[in-house]
Amino acid sequence: MATVDLRDGESPEHLITRFRQAVQRDGILREIKQRRHFIPKSERRRIAQAKAARRRRRAKKPLV
């Protein structure tokens, strides 16, 4: 759960900005979007393997 406390002299707009950053950092919206539809365990595994392969390819790619 993302919580933010109002600091001394902080504007409400900045408080909202800090709250949005905390939600983004905690991955709350990402998790909600993932839970919207049921994904079987085998499909989750296949997606994770594809992501790992993509990361490996990007890491191997020479920086030019």
C-alpha atoms as a PDB file:
ATOM      1  CA  MET A   1       0.000   0.000   0.000  1.00  0.00           C
ATOM      2  CA  ALA A   2       1.433   3.351  -1.051  1.00  0.00           C
ATOM      3  CA  THR A   3       1.095   6.070   1.546  1.00  0.00           C
ATOM      4  CA  VAL A   4       2.483   9.585   1.703  1.00  0.00           C
ATOM      5  CA  ASP A   5       2.381  12.042   4.582  1.00  0.00           C
ATOM      6  CA  LEU A   6       2.041  15.770   4.121  1.00  0.00           C
ATOM      7  CA  ARG A   7       5.339  17.501   4.828  1.00  0.00           C
ATOM      8  CA  ASP A   8       5.636  20.938   6.401  1.00  0.00           C
ATOM      9  CA  GLY A   9       4.990  23.626   3.814  1.00  0.00           C
ATOM     10  CA  GLU A  10       4.239  21.110   1.042  1.00  0.00           C
ATOM     11  CA  SER A  11       1.610  21.989  -1.533  1.00  0.00           C
ATOM     12  CA  PRO A  12      -1.224  19.551  -2.262  1.00  0.00           C
ATOM     13  CA  GLU A  13      -0.059  19.318  -5.886  1.00  0.00           C
ATOM     14  CA  HIS A  14       3.384  18.121  -4.800  1.00  0.00           C
ATOM     15  CA  LEU A  15       1.779  15.649  -2.391  1.00  0.00           C
ATOM     16  CA  ILE A  16      -0.224  14.165  -5.268  1.00  0.00           C
ATOM     17  CA  THR A  17       2.946  13.981  -7.381  1.00  0.00           C
ATOM     18  CA  ARG A  18       4.776  12.095  -4.628  1.00  0.00           C
ATOM     19  CA  PHE A  19       1.797   9.736  -4.258  1.00  0.00           C
ATOM     20  CA  ARG A  20       1.786   8.974  -7.991  1.00  0.00           C
ATOM     21  CA  GLN A  21       5.519   8.269  -7.871  1.00  0.00           C
ATOM     22  CA  ALA A  22       5.037   5.917  -4.905  1.00  0.00           C
ATOM     23  CA  VAL A  23       2.266   4.040  -6.738  1.00  0.00           C
ATOM     24  CA  GLN A  24       4.478   3.766  -9.825  1.00  0.00           C
ATOM     25  CA  ARG A  25       7.467   2.586  -7.780  1.00  0.00           C
ATOM     26  CA  ASP A  26       5.398  -0.060  -5.948  1.00  0.00           C
ATOM     27  CA  GLY A  27       3.973  -1.371  -9.240  1.00  0.00           C
ATOM     28  CA  ILE A  28       0.376  -1.212  -8.030  1.00  0.00           C
ATOM     29  CA  LEU A  29      -1.184  -0.257 -11.371  1.00  0.00           C
ATOM     30  CA  ARG A  30       0.875  -2.871 -13.222  1.00  0.00           C
ATOM     31  CA  GLU A  31      -0.388  -5.558 -10.843  1.00  0.00           C
ATOM     32  CA  ILE A  32      -4.005  -4.435 -11.229  1.00  0.00           C
ATOM     33  CA  LYS A  33      -3.712  -4.620 -15.022  1.00  0.00           C
ATOM     34  CA  GLN A  34      -2.199  -8.101 -14.784  1.00  0.00           C
ATOM     35  CA  ARG A  35      -4.997  -9.333 -12.508  1.00  0.00           C
ATOM     36  CA  ARG A  36      -7.686  -8.054 -14.857  1.00  0.00           C
ATOM     37  CA  HIS A  37      -7.587 -11.321 -16.814  1.00  0.00           C
ATOM     38  CA  PHE A  38      -6.673 -14.806 -15.693  1.00  0.00           C
ATOM     39  CA  ILE A  39      -3.403 -16.029 -17.180  1.00  0.00           C
ATOM     40  CA  PRO A  40      -2.614 -19.737 -16.796  1.00  0.00           C
ATOM     41  CA  LYS A  41       0.638 -20.708 -15.128  1.00  0.00           C
ATOM     42  CA  SER A  42       2.031 -22.124 -18.372  1.00  0.00           C
ATOM     43  CA  GLU A  43       1.333 -18.837 -20.176  1.00  0.00           C
ATOM     44  CA  ARG A  44       2.998 -16.816 -17.383  1.00  0.00           C
ATOM     45  CA  ARG A  45       6.042 -19.091 -17.636  1.00  0.00           C
ATOM     46  CA  ARG A  46       6.194 -18.658 -21.428  1.00  0.00           C
ATOM     47  CA  ILE A  47       5.973 -14.848 -21.083  1.00  0.00           C
ATOM     48  CA  ALA A  48       8.705 -14.846 -18.425  1.00  0.00           C
ATOM     49  CA  GLN A  49      10.987 -16.941 -20.650  1.00  0.00           C
ATOM     50  CA  ALA A  50      10.407 -14.589 -23.588  1.00  0.00           C
ATOM     51  CA  LYS A  51      11.256 -11.576 -21.395  1.00  0.00           C
ATOM     52  CA  ALA A  52      14.439 -13.270 -20.183  1.00  0.00           C
ATOM     53  CA  ALA A  53      15.473 -14.090 -23.749  1.00  0.00           C
ATOM     54  CA  ARG A  54      14.887 -10.467 -24.764  1.00  0.00           C
ATOM     55  CA  ARG A  55      17.017  -9.262 -21.840  1.00  0.00           C
ATOM     56  CA  ARG A  56      19.816 -11.667 -22.799  1.00  0.00           C
ATOM     57  CA  ARG A  57      19.744 -10.496 -26.425  1.00  0.00           C
ATOM     58  CA  ARG A  58      19.872  -6.856 -25.342  1.00  0.00           C
ATOM     59  CA  ALA A  59      22.778  -7.552 -22.979  1.00  0.00           C
ATOM     60  CA  LYS A  60      24.745  -9.297 -25.739  1.00  0.00           C
ATOM     61  CA  LYS A  61      24.170  -6.515 -28.262  1.00  0.00           C
ATOM     62  CA  PRO A  62      27.377  -4.449 -28.622  1.00  0.00           C
ATOM     63  CA  LEU A  63      27.161  -0.755 -27.824  1.00  0.00           C
ATOM     64  CA  VAL A  64      28.095   1.182 -30.946  1.00  0.00           C
END
